[in-house]
Amino acid sequence: MSAHIKTVTDDSFEQDVLQAGKPVLVDFWAEWCGPCRALSPILEEVAANHSDKVIFAKINIDENPQAPSKYGVMSIPTLILFKNGQVEAVKMGLLSKSQLSAFVDSNV
């Protein structure tokens, strides 16, 4: 994983996402998902430009089924922005760099 994006698991979700000191944008993804793979470099770019105000994280839904189930993730990629341990905003599907930047900027 990159320097700007943290890998989280069901076991680390509480500490890494819900108890984080700043907003956390979580990418729910899977290895077999084409749009998820297409989103990865876009997420990396946006993370590099926004890492001062948002923590970026990814969780593989195949390896970690509890968090996606708890937060109602029905399709991937799904991006969920958490603030103070609560869901602040949700975006589903592949986004362009400008769409992702606007989503982050409008919610933090």
PDB file of N, CA and C in Angstrom:
ATOM      1  N   MET A   1       0.848  -1.173   0.000  1.00  0.00           N
ATOM      2  CA  MET A   1       0.000   0.000   0.000  1.00  0.00           C
ATOM      3  C   MET A   1       0.897   1.241   0.000  1.00  0.00           C
ATOM      4  N   SER A   2       0.324   2.340  -0.325  1.00  0.00           N
ATOM      5  CA  SER A   2       1.106   3.556  -0.494  1.00  0.00           C
ATOM      6  C   SER A   2       1.356   4.275   0.828  1.00  0.00           C
ATOM      7  N   ALA A   3       2.154   5.299   0.733  1.00  0.00           N
ATOM      8  CA  ALA A   3       2.453   6.102   1.915  1.00  0.00           C
ATOM      9  C   ALA A   3       1.240   6.933   2.343  1.00  0.00           C
ATOM     10  N   HIS A   4       0.314   7.178   1.406  1.00  0.00           N
ATOM     11  CA  HIS A   4      -0.828   8.043   1.695  1.00  0.00           C
ATOM     12  C   HIS A   4      -2.112   7.285   2.008  1.00  0.00           C
ATOM     13  N   ILE A   5      -2.121   5.973   1.777  1.00  0.00           N
ATOM     14  CA  ILE A   5      -3.344   5.195   1.986  1.00  0.00           C
ATOM     15  C   ILE A   5      -3.056   4.034   2.930  1.00  0.00           C
ATOM     16  N   LYS A   6      -3.826   3.969   3.997  1.00  0.00           N
ATOM     17  CA  LYS A   6      -3.665   2.943   5.022  1.00  0.00           C
ATOM     18  C   LYS A   6      -4.559   1.752   4.684  1.00  0.00           C
ATOM     19  N   THR A   7      -4.060   0.552   4.911  1.00  0.00           N
ATOM     20  CA  THR A   7      -4.888  -0.647   4.779  1.00  0.00           C
ATOM     21  C   THR A   7      -5.506  -0.944   6.134  1.00  0.00           C
ATOM     22  N   VAL A   8      -6.843  -1.067   6.158  1.00  0.00           N
ATOM     23  CA  VAL A   8      -7.522  -1.406   7.401  1.00  0.00           C
ATOM     24  C   VAL A   8      -8.194  -2.770   7.254  1.00  0.00           C
ATOM     25  N   THR A   9      -8.491  -3.380   8.380  1.00  0.00           N
ATOM     26  CA  THR A   9      -9.132  -4.688   8.423  1.00  0.00           C
ATOM     27  C   THR A   9     -10.322  -4.608   9.368  1.00  0.00           C
ATOM     28  N   ASP A  10     -11.100  -5.680   9.411  1.00  0.00           N
ATOM     29  CA  ASP A  10     -12.186  -5.721  10.387  1.00  0.00           C
ATOM     30  C   ASP A  10     -11.644  -5.526  11.798  1.00  0.00           C
ATOM     31  N   ASP A  11     -10.481  -6.120  12.077  1.00  0.00           N
ATOM     32  CA  ASP A  11      -9.888  -6.029  13.415  1.00  0.00           C
ATOM     33  C   ASP A  11      -9.386  -4.625  13.754  1.00  0.00           C
ATOM     34  N   SER A  12      -8.894  -3.893  12.756  1.00  0.00           N
ATOM     35  CA  SER A  12      -8.326  -2.568  13.024  1.00  0.00           C
ATOM     36  C   SER A  12      -9.301  -1.420  12.743  1.00  0.00           C
ATOM     37  N   PHE A  13     -10.482  -1.731  12.226  1.00  0.00           N
ATOM     38  CA  PHE A  13     -11.432  -0.700  11.792  1.00  0.00           C
ATOM     39  C   PHE A  13     -11.799   0.274  12.916  1.00  0.00           C
ATOM     40  N   GLU A  14     -12.108  -0.250  14.078  1.00  0.00           N
ATOM     41  CA  GLU A  14     -12.485   0.594  15.221  1.00  0.00           C
ATOM     42  C   GLU A  14     -11.401   1.618  15.531  1.00  0.00           C
ATOM     43  N   GLN A  15     -10.175   1.150  15.656  1.00  0.00           N
ATOM     44  CA  GLN A  15      -9.062   2.039  16.018  1.00  0.00           C
ATOM     45  C   GLN A  15      -8.663   2.953  14.858  1.00  0.00           C
ATOM     46  N   ASP A  16      -8.502   2.384  13.654  1.00  0.00           N
ATOM     47  CA  ASP A  16      -7.981   3.153  12.524  1.00  0.00           C
ATOM     48  C   ASP A  16      -8.991   4.115  11.895  1.00  0.00           C
ATOM     49  N   VAL A  17     -10.268   3.796  12.004  1.00  0.00           N
ATOM     50  CA  VAL A  17     -11.288   4.616  11.348  1.00  0.00           C
ATOM     51  C   VAL A  17     -12.174   5.343  12.365  1.00  0.00           C
ATOM     52  N   LEU A  18     -12.824   4.591  13.214  1.00  0.00           N
ATOM     53  CA  LEU A  18     -13.820   5.182  14.106  1.00  0.00           C
ATOM     54  C   LEU A  18     -13.207   6.042  15.203  1.00  0.00           C
ATOM     55  N   GLN A  19     -11.983   5.724  15.634  1.00  0.00           N
ATOM     56  CA  GLN A  19     -11.338   6.502  16.693  1.00  0.00           C
ATOM     57  C   GLN A  19     -10.262   7.457  16.168  1.00  0.00           C
ATOM     58  N   ALA A  20     -10.205   7.623  14.867  1.00  0.00           N
ATOM     59  CA  ALA A  20      -9.177   8.487  14.272  1.00  0.00           C
ATOM     60  C   ALA A  20      -9.393   9.943  14.692  1.00  0.00           C
ATOM     61  N   GLY A  21      -8.306  10.687  14.737  1.00  0.00           N
ATOM     62  CA  GLY A  21      -8.363  12.080  15.151  1.00  0.00           C
ATOM     63  C   GLY A  21      -8.820  13.043  14.073  1.00  0.00           C
ATOM     64  N   LYS A  22      -8.929  12.573  12.846  1.00  0.00           N
ATOM     65  CA  LYS A  22      -9.447  13.405  11.761  1.00  0.00           C
ATOM     66  C   LYS A  22     -10.316  12.544  10.850  1.00  0.00           C
ATOM     67  N   PRO A  23     -11.036  13.161   9.901  1.00  0.00           N
ATOM     68  CA  PRO A  23     -11.914  12.383   9.030  1.00  0.00           C
ATOM     69  C   PRO A  23     -11.147  11.278   8.294  1.00  0.00           C
ATOM     70  N   VAL A  24     -11.844  10.164   8.040  1.00  0.00           N
ATOM     71  CA  VAL A  24     -11.249   9.031   7.335  1.00  0.00           C
ATOM     72  C   VAL A  24     -12.141   8.662   6.152  1.00  0.00           C
ATOM     73  N   LEU A  25     -11.547   8.643   4.963  1.00  0.00           N
ATOM     74  CA  LEU A  25     -12.259   8.200   3.767  1.00  0.00           C
ATOM     75  C   LEU A  25     -11.861   6.748   3.507  1.00  0.00           C
ATOM     76  N   VAL A  26     -12.840   5.848   3.596  1.00  0.00           N
ATOM     77  CA  VAL A  26     -12.573   4.419   3.433  1.00  0.00           C
ATOM     78  C   VAL A  26     -13.073   3.959   2.068  1.00  0.00           C
ATOM     79  N   ASP A  27     -12.185   3.327   1.316  1.00  0.00           N
ATOM     80  CA  ASP A  27     -12.511   2.725   0.026  1.00  0.00           C
ATOM     81  C   ASP A  27     -12.782   1.245   0.261  1.00  0.00           C
ATOM     82  N   PHE A  28     -14.040   0.825   0.076  1.00  0.00           N
ATOM     83  CA  PHE A  28     -14.407  -0.588   0.160  1.00  0.00           C
ATOM     84  C   PHE A  28     -14.221  -1.167  -1.234  1.00  0.00           C
ATOM     85  N   TRP A  29     -13.349  -2.168  -1.359  1.00  0.00           N
ATOM     86  CA  TRP A  29     -12.959  -2.667  -2.676  1.00  0.00           C
ATOM     87  C   TRP A  29     -12.736  -4.181  -2.631  1.00  0.00           C
ATOM     88  N   ALA A  30     -12.463  -4.749  -3.830  1.00  0.00           N
ATOM     89  CA  ALA A  30     -12.087  -6.160  -3.949  1.00  0.00           C
ATOM     90  C   ALA A  30     -11.132  -6.312  -5.123  1.00  0.00           C
ATOM     91  N   GLU A  31     -10.282  -7.320  -5.044  1.00  0.00           N
ATOM     92  CA  GLU A  31      -9.266  -7.571  -6.065  1.00  0.00           C
ATOM     93  C   GLU A  31      -9.877  -7.797  -7.447  1.00  0.00           C
ATOM     94  N   TRP A  32     -11.016  -8.471  -7.522  1.00  0.00           N
ATOM     95  CA  TRP A  32     -11.647  -8.839  -8.781  1.00  0.00           C
ATOM     96  C   TRP A  32     -12.451  -7.705  -9.415  1.00  0.00           C
ATOM     97  N   CYS A  33     -12.564  -6.594  -8.750  1.00  0.00           N
ATOM     98  CA  CYS A  33     -13.415  -5.479  -9.193  1.00  0.00           C
ATOM     99  C   CYS A  33     -12.640  -4.517 -10.094  1.00  0.00           C
ATOM    100  N   GLY A  34     -12.988  -4.509 -11.391  1.00  0.00           N
ATOM    101  CA  GLY A  34     -12.319  -3.630 -12.360  1.00  0.00           C
ATOM    102  C   GLY A  34     -12.407  -2.158 -12.006  1.00  0.00           C
ATOM    103  N   PRO A  35     -13.610  -1.628 -11.722  1.00  0.00           N
ATOM    104  CA  PRO A  35     -13.711  -0.214 -11.337  1.00  0.00           C
ATOM    105  C   PRO A  35     -12.908   0.114 -10.073  1.00  0.00           C
ATOM    106  N   CYS A  36     -12.800  -0.851  -9.154  1.00  0.00           N
ATOM    107  CA  CYS A  36     -12.001  -0.635  -7.936  1.00  0.00           C
ATOM    108  C   CYS A  36     -10.529  -0.443  -8.311  1.00  0.00           C
ATOM    109  N   ARG A  37     -10.048  -1.270  -9.222  1.00  0.00           N
ATOM    110  CA  ARG A  37      -8.645  -1.148  -9.659  1.00  0.00           C
ATOM    111  C   ARG A  37      -8.424   0.167 -10.395  1.00  0.00           C
ATOM    112  N   ALA A  38      -9.428   0.604 -11.153  1.00  0.00           N
ATOM    113  CA  ALA A  38      -9.317   1.882 -11.868  1.00  0.00           C
ATOM    114  C   ALA A  38      -9.315   3.062 -10.899  1.00  0.00           C
ATOM    115  N   LEU A  39     -10.024   2.924  -9.787  1.00  0.00           N
ATOM    116  CA  LEU A  39     -10.096   4.001  -8.798  1.00  0.00           C
ATOM    117  C   LEU A  39      -8.804   4.145  -7.999  1.00  0.00           C
ATOM    118  N   SER A  40      -8.058   3.070  -7.874  1.00  0.00           N
ATOM    119  CA  SER A  40      -6.879   3.054  -7.007  1.00  0.00           C
ATOM    120  C   SER A  40      -5.871   4.176  -7.294  1.00  0.00           C
ATOM    121  N   PRO A  41      -5.419   4.367  -8.548  1.00  0.00           N
ATOM    122  CA  PRO A  41      -4.462   5.460  -8.788  1.00  0.00           C
ATOM    123  C   PRO A  41      -5.079   6.847  -8.590  1.00  0.00           C
ATOM    124  N   ILE A  42      -6.376   6.970  -8.829  1.00  0.00           N
ATOM    125  CA  ILE A  42      -7.069   8.245  -8.613  1.00  0.00           C
ATOM    126  C   ILE A  42      -7.106   8.545  -7.110  1.00  0.00           C
ATOM    127  N   LEU A  43      -7.426   7.532  -6.331  1.00  0.00           N
ATOM    128  CA  LEU A  43      -7.456   7.678  -4.869  1.00  0.00           C
ATOM    129  C   LEU A  43      -6.069   8.072  -4.350  1.00  0.00           C
ATOM    130  N   GLU A  44      -5.054   7.440  -4.919  1.00  0.00           N
ATOM    131  CA  GLU A  44      -3.669   7.737  -4.530  1.00  0.00           C
ATOM    132  C   GLU A  44      -3.333   9.211  -4.775  1.00  0.00           C
ATOM    133  N   GLU A  45      -3.703   9.713  -5.948  1.00  0.00           N
ATOM    134  CA  GLU A  45      -3.430  11.115  -6.290  1.00  0.00           C
ATOM    135  C   GLU A  45      -4.152  12.076  -5.362  1.00  0.00           C
ATOM    136  N   VAL A  46      -5.425  11.818  -5.137  1.00  0.00           N
ATOM    137  CA  VAL A  46      -6.218  12.694  -4.270  1.00  0.00           C
ATOM    138  C   VAL A  46      -5.711  12.610  -2.827  1.00  0.00           C
ATOM    139  N   ALA A  47      -5.339  11.414  -2.399  1.00  0.00           N
ATOM    140  CA  ALA A  47      -4.801  11.249  -1.043  1.00  0.00           C
ATOM    141  C   ALA A  47      -3.530  12.072  -0.848  1.00  0.00           C
ATOM    142  N   ALA A  48      -2.677  12.087  -1.851  1.00  0.00           N
ATOM    143  CA  ALA A  48      -1.429  12.849  -1.751  1.00  0.00           C
ATOM    144  C   ALA A  48      -1.705  14.344  -1.584  1.00  0.00           C
ATOM    145  N   ASN A  49      -2.796  14.823  -2.181  1.00  0.00           N
ATOM    146  CA  ASN A  49      -3.124  16.247  -2.113  1.00  0.00           C
ATOM    147  C   ASN A  49      -3.978  16.635  -0.912  1.00  0.00           C
ATOM    148  N   HIS A  50      -4.574  15.650  -0.240  1.00  0.00           N
ATOM    149  CA  HIS A  50      -5.489  15.948   0.868  1.00  0.00           C
ATOM    150  C   HIS A  50      -5.068  15.308   2.193  1.00  0.00           C
ATOM    151  N   SER A  51      -3.897  14.723   2.249  1.00  0.00           N
ATOM    152  CA  SER A  51      -3.504  13.962   3.443  1.00  0.00           C
ATOM    153  C   SER A  51      -3.362  14.822   4.695  1.00  0.00           C
ATOM    154  N   ASP A  52      -3.305  16.137   4.526  1.00  0.00           N
ATOM    155  CA  ASP A  52      -3.205  17.014   5.695  1.00  0.00           C
ATOM    156  C   ASP A  52      -4.520  17.091   6.468  1.00  0.00           C
ATOM    157  N   LYS A  53      -5.656  16.862   5.788  1.00  0.00           N
ATOM    158  CA  LYS A  53      -6.941  17.003   6.475  1.00  0.00           C
ATOM    159  C   LYS A  53      -7.791  15.738   6.522  1.00  0.00           C
ATOM    160  N   VAL A  54      -7.385  14.709   5.764  1.00  0.00           N
ATOM    161  CA  VAL A  54      -8.166  13.471   5.715  1.00  0.00           C
ATOM    162  C   VAL A  54      -7.215  12.273   5.709  1.00  0.00           C
ATOM    163  N   ILE A  55      -7.598  11.227   6.435  1.00  0.00           N
ATOM    164  CA  ILE A  55      -6.877   9.951   6.359  1.00  0.00           C
ATOM    165  C   ILE A  55      -7.566   9.114   5.289  1.00  0.00           C
ATOM    166  N   PHE A  56      -6.804   8.558   4.390  1.00  0.00           N
ATOM    167  CA  PHE A  56      -7.348   7.698   3.337  1.00  0.00           C
ATOM    168  C   PHE A  56      -7.041   6.251   3.685  1.00  0.00           C
ATOM    169  N   ALA A  57      -8.049   5.396   3.534  1.00  0.00           N
ATOM    170  CA  ALA A  57      -7.892   3.988   3.893  1.00  0.00           C
ATOM    171  C   ALA A  57      -8.613   3.109   2.879  1.00  0.00           C
ATOM    172  N   LYS A  58      -8.168   1.850   2.798  1.00  0.00           N
ATOM    173  CA  LYS A  58      -8.812   0.859   1.934  1.00  0.00           C
ATOM    174  C   LYS A  58      -9.085  -0.385   2.758  1.00  0.00           C
ATOM    175  N   ILE A  59     -10.227  -1.021   2.471  1.00  0.00           N
ATOM    176  CA  ILE A  59     -10.549  -2.288   3.120  1.00  0.00           C
ATOM    177  C   ILE A  59     -11.047  -3.265   2.059  1.00  0.00           C
ATOM    178  N   ASN A  60     -10.404  -4.419   2.003  1.00  0.00           N
ATOM    179  CA  ASN A  60     -10.772  -5.469   1.056  1.00  0.00           C
ATOM    180  C   ASN A  60     -12.001  -6.194   1.609  1.00  0.00           C
ATOM    181  N   ILE A  61     -13.110  -6.117   0.882  1.00  0.00           N
ATOM    182  CA  ILE A  61     -14.361  -6.676   1.405  1.00  0.00           C
ATOM    183  C   ILE A  61     -14.372  -8.205   1.419  1.00  0.00           C
ATOM    184  N   ASP A  62     -13.570  -8.833   0.572  1.00  0.00           N
ATOM    185  CA  ASP A  62     -13.516 -10.299   0.572  1.00  0.00           C
ATOM    186  C   ASP A  62     -12.787 -10.835   1.799  1.00  0.00           C
ATOM    187  N   GLU A  63     -11.753 -10.119   2.223  1.00  0.00           N
ATOM    188  CA  GLU A  63     -10.967 -10.538   3.379  1.00  0.00           C
ATOM    189  C   GLU A  63     -11.555 -10.021   4.696  1.00  0.00           C
ATOM    190  N   ASN A  64     -12.397  -9.007   4.606  1.00  0.00           N
ATOM    191  CA  ASN A  64     -12.952  -8.349   5.796  1.00  0.00           C
ATOM    192  C   ASN A  64     -14.453  -8.113   5.602  1.00  0.00           C
ATOM    193  N   PRO A  65     -15.286  -9.122   5.833  1.00  0.00           N
ATOM    194  CA  PRO A  65     -16.718  -8.999   5.548  1.00  0.00           C
ATOM    195  C   PRO A  65     -17.535  -8.232   6.601  1.00  0.00           C
ATOM    196  N   GLN A  66     -17.013  -8.041   7.804  1.00  0.00           N
ATOM    197  CA  GLN A  66     -17.811  -7.428   8.870  1.00  0.00           C
ATOM    198  C   GLN A  66     -18.094  -5.945   8.636  1.00  0.00           C
ATOM    199  N   ALA A  67     -17.073  -5.161   8.329  1.00  0.00           N
ATOM    200  CA  ALA A  67     -17.261  -3.708   8.149  1.00  0.00           C
ATOM    201  C   ALA A  67     -18.205  -3.403   6.981  1.00  0.00           C
ATOM    202  N   PRO A  68     -18.021  -4.026   5.804  1.00  0.00           N
ATOM    203  CA  PRO A  68     -18.963  -3.722   4.721  1.00  0.00           C
ATOM    204  C   PRO A  68     -20.405  -4.090   5.075  1.00  0.00           C
ATOM    205  N   SER A  69     -20.583  -5.177   5.783  1.00  0.00           N
ATOM    206  CA  SER A  69     -21.922  -5.593   6.197  1.00  0.00           C
ATOM    207  C   SER A  69     -22.515  -4.587   7.180  1.00  0.00           C
ATOM    208  N   LYS A  70     -21.721  -4.160   8.135  1.00  0.00           N
ATOM    209  CA  LYS A  70     -22.185  -3.212   9.152  1.00  0.00           C
ATOM    210  C   LYS A  70     -22.613  -1.883   8.540  1.00  0.00           C
ATOM    211  N   TYR A  71     -21.905  -1.439   7.492  1.00  0.00           N
ATOM    212  CA  TYR A  71     -22.188  -0.138   6.895  1.00  0.00           C
ATOM    213  C   TYR A  71     -22.998  -0.229   5.602  1.00  0.00           C
ATOM    214  N   GLY A  72     -23.570  -1.392   5.332  1.00  0.00           N
ATOM    215  CA  GLY A  72     -24.505  -1.538   4.218  1.00  0.00           C
ATOM    216  C   GLY A  72     -23.892  -1.421   2.839  1.00  0.00           C
ATOM    217  N   VAL A  73     -22.634  -1.801   2.710  1.00  0.00           N
ATOM    218  CA  VAL A  73     -21.986  -1.736   1.405  1.00  0.00           C
ATOM    219  C   VAL A  73     -22.542  -2.858   0.529  1.00  0.00           C
ATOM    220  N   MET A  74     -23.251  -2.478  -0.534  1.00  0.00           N
ATOM    221  CA  MET A  74     -23.896  -3.453  -1.411  1.00  0.00           C
ATOM    222  C   MET A  74     -23.203  -3.581  -2.758  1.00  0.00           C
ATOM    223  N   SER A  75     -22.462  -2.560  -3.148  1.00  0.00           N
ATOM    224  CA  SER A  75     -21.720  -2.610  -4.413  1.00  0.00           C
ATOM    225  C   SER A  75     -20.378  -1.917  -4.195  1.00  0.00           C
ATOM    226  N   ILE A  76     -19.437  -2.241  -5.065  1.00  0.00           N
ATOM    227  CA  ILE A  76     -18.107  -1.644  -4.934  1.00  0.00           C
ATOM    228  C   ILE A  76     -17.668  -1.092  -6.284  1.00  0.00           C
ATOM    229  N   PRO A  77     -16.829  -0.080  -6.296  1.00  0.00           N
ATOM    230  CA  PRO A  77     -16.277   0.580  -5.112  1.00  0.00           C
ATOM    231  C   PRO A  77     -17.316   1.451  -4.402  1.00  0.00           C
ATOM    232  N   THR A  78     -17.219   1.462  -3.094  1.00  0.00           N
ATOM    233  CA  THR A  78     -18.003   2.382  -2.264  1.00  0.00           C
ATOM    234  C   THR A  78     -17.023   3.133  -1.385  1.00  0.00           C
ATOM    235  N   LEU A  79     -17.170   4.441  -1.361  1.00  0.00           N
ATOM    236  CA  LEU A  79     -16.349   5.302  -0.510  1.00  0.00           C
ATOM    237  C   LEU A  79     -17.235   5.830   0.613  1.00  0.00           C
ATOM    238  N   ILE A  80     -16.789   5.652   1.837  1.00  0.00           N
ATOM    239  CA  ILE A  80     -17.524   6.181   2.988  1.00  0.00           C
ATOM    240  C   ILE A  80     -16.590   7.089   3.772  1.00  0.00           C
ATOM    241  N   LEU A  81     -17.049   8.307   4.005  1.00  0.00           N
ATOM    242  CA  LEU A  81     -16.287   9.261   4.794  1.00  0.00           C
ATOM    243  C   LEU A  81     -16.815   9.242   6.220  1.00  0.00           C
ATOM    244  N   PHE A  82     -15.930   8.930   7.153  1.00  0.00           N
ATOM    245  CA  PHE A  82     -16.269   8.888   8.575  1.00  0.00           C
ATOM    246  C   PHE A  82     -15.698  10.125   9.259  1.00  0.00           C
ATOM    247  N   LYS A  83     -16.522  10.740  10.120  1.00  0.00           N
ATOM    248  CA  LYS A  83     -16.078  11.862  10.947  1.00  0.00           C
ATOM    249  C   LYS A  83     -16.508  11.567  12.371  1.00  0.00           C
ATOM    250  N   ASN A  84     -15.573  11.647  13.299  1.00  0.00           N
ATOM    251  CA  ASN A  84     -15.875  11.403  14.712  1.00  0.00           C
ATOM    252  C   ASN A  84     -16.599  10.075  14.919  1.00  0.00           C
ATOM    253  N   GLY A  85     -16.185   9.050  14.172  1.00  0.00           N
ATOM    254  CA  GLY A  85     -16.750   7.721  14.336  1.00  0.00           C
ATOM    255  C   GLY A  85     -18.096   7.505  13.673  1.00  0.00           C
ATOM    256  N   GLN A  86     -18.589   8.497  12.946  1.00  0.00           N
ATOM    257  CA  GLN A  86     -19.903   8.416  12.306  1.00  0.00           C
ATOM    258  C   GLN A  86     -19.778   8.556  10.793  1.00  0.00           C
ATOM    259  N   VAL A  87     -20.716   7.942  10.069  1.00  0.00           N
ATOM    260  CA  VAL A  87     -20.746   8.091   8.612  1.00  0.00           C
ATOM    261  C   VAL A  87     -21.171   9.518   8.293  1.00  0.00           C
ATOM    262  N   GLU A  88     -20.330  10.222   7.552  1.00  0.00           N
ATOM    263  CA  GLU A  88     -20.608  11.604   7.159  1.00  0.00           C
ATOM    264  C   GLU A  88     -21.178  11.659   5.737  1.00  0.00           C
ATOM    265  N   ALA A  89     -20.610  10.817   4.845  1.00  0.00           N
ATOM    266  CA  ALA A  89     -21.039  10.838   3.443  1.00  0.00           C
ATOM    267  C   ALA A  89     -20.657   9.525   2.772  1.00  0.00           C
ATOM    268  N   VAL A  90     -21.428   9.172   1.739  1.00  0.00           N
ATOM    269  CA  VAL A  90     -21.197   7.931   1.002  1.00  0.00           C
ATOM    270  C   VAL A  90     -21.237   8.235  -0.490  1.00  0.00           C
ATOM    271  N   LYS A  91     -20.315   7.618  -1.222  1.00  0.00           N
ATOM    272  CA  LYS A  91     -20.288   7.759  -2.681  1.00  0.00           C
ATOM    273  C   LYS A  91     -20.024   6.375  -3.261  1.00  0.00           C
ATOM    274  N   MET A  92     -20.832   5.962  -4.228  1.00  0.00           N
ATOM    275  CA  MET A  92     -20.654   4.648  -4.846  1.00  0.00           C
ATOM    276  C   MET A  92     -20.220   4.799  -6.294  1.00  0.00           C
ATOM    277  N   GLY A  93     -19.412   3.851  -6.743  1.00  0.00           N
ATOM    278  CA  GLY A  93     -19.000   3.818  -8.144  1.00  0.00           C
ATOM    279  C   GLY A  93     -17.672   4.503  -8.388  1.00  0.00           C
ATOM    280  N   LEU A  94     -17.212   4.368  -9.624  1.00  0.00           N
ATOM    281  CA  LEU A  94     -15.937   4.944 -10.048  1.00  0.00           C
ATOM    282  C   LEU A  94     -16.070   6.452 -10.204  1.00  0.00           C
ATOM    283  N   LEU A  95     -15.145   7.195  -9.628  1.00  0.00           N
ATOM    284  CA  LEU A  95     -15.147   8.653  -9.702  1.00  0.00           C
ATOM    285  C   LEU A  95     -13.905   9.139 -10.433  1.00  0.00           C
ATOM    286  N   SER A  96     -14.022  10.281 -11.094  1.00  0.00           N
ATOM    287  CA  SER A  96     -12.848  10.919 -11.681  1.00  0.00           C
ATOM    288  C   SER A  96     -12.071  11.614 -10.565  1.00  0.00           C
ATOM    289  N   LYS A  97     -10.874  12.066 -10.879  1.00  0.00           N
ATOM    290  CA  LYS A  97     -10.066  12.775  -9.881  1.00  0.00           C
ATOM    291  C   LYS A  97     -10.800  14.024  -9.389  1.00  0.00           C
ATOM    292  N   SER A  98     -11.402  14.779 -10.312  1.00  0.00           N
ATOM    293  CA  SER A  98     -12.096  16.010  -9.907  1.00  0.00           C
ATOM    294  C   SER A  98     -13.344  15.691  -9.074  1.00  0.00           C
ATOM    295  N   GLN A  99     -14.065  14.615  -9.418  1.00  0.00           N
ATOM    296  CA  GLN A  99     -15.236  14.226  -8.632  1.00  0.00           C
ATOM    297  C   GLN A  99     -14.835  13.807  -7.217  1.00  0.00           C
ATOM    298  N   LEU A 100     -13.762  13.034  -7.118  1.00  0.00           N
ATOM    299  CA  LEU A 100     -13.304  12.574  -5.808  1.00  0.00           C
ATOM    300  C   LEU A 100     -12.798  13.740  -4.968  1.00  0.00           C
ATOM    301  N   SER A 101     -12.048  14.634  -5.578  1.00  0.00           N
ATOM    302  CA  SER A 101     -11.562  15.823  -4.854  1.00  0.00           C
ATOM    303  C   SER A 101     -12.722  16.665  -4.351  1.00  0.00           C
ATOM    304  N   ALA A 102     -13.730  16.853  -5.196  1.00  0.00           N
ATOM    305  CA  ALA A 102     -14.898  17.642  -4.801  1.00  0.00           C
ATOM    306  C   ALA A 102     -15.662  16.965  -3.664  1.00  0.00           C
ATOM    307  N   PHE A 103     -15.769  15.635  -3.718  1.00  0.00           N
ATOM    308  CA  PHE A 103     -16.445  14.881  -2.652  1.00  0.00           C
ATOM    309  C   PHE A 103     -15.721  15.076  -1.322  1.00  0.00           C
ATOM    310  N   VAL A 104     -14.406  14.968  -1.351  1.00  0.00           N
ATOM    311  CA  VAL A 104     -13.619  15.148  -0.125  1.00  0.00           C
ATOM    312  C   VAL A 104     -13.750  16.589   0.369  1.00  0.00           C
ATOM    313  N   ASP A 105     -13.537  17.552  -0.532  1.00  0.00           N
ATOM    314  CA  ASP A 105     -13.574  18.964  -0.135  1.00  0.00           C
ATOM    315  C   ASP A 105     -14.928  19.383   0.432  1.00  0.00           C
ATOM    316  N   SER A 106     -16.004  18.850  -0.110  1.00  0.00           N
ATOM    317  CA  SER A 106     -17.335  19.277   0.335  1.00  0.00           C
ATOM    318  C   SER A 106     -17.752  18.631   1.664  1.00  0.00           C
ATOM    319  N   ASN A 107     -16.978  17.644   2.119  1.00  0.00           N
ATOM    320  CA  ASN A 107     -17.378  16.931   3.332  1.00  0.00           C
ATOM    321  C   ASN A 107     -16.385  17.029   4.487  1.00  0.00           C
ATOM    322  N   VAL A 108     -15.310  17.793   4.331  1.00  0.00           N
ATOM    323  CA  VAL A 108     -14.368  17.928   5.447  1.00  0.00           C
ATOM    324  C   VAL A 108     -14.200  19.374   5.864  1.00  0.00           C
TER     325      VAL A 108
END
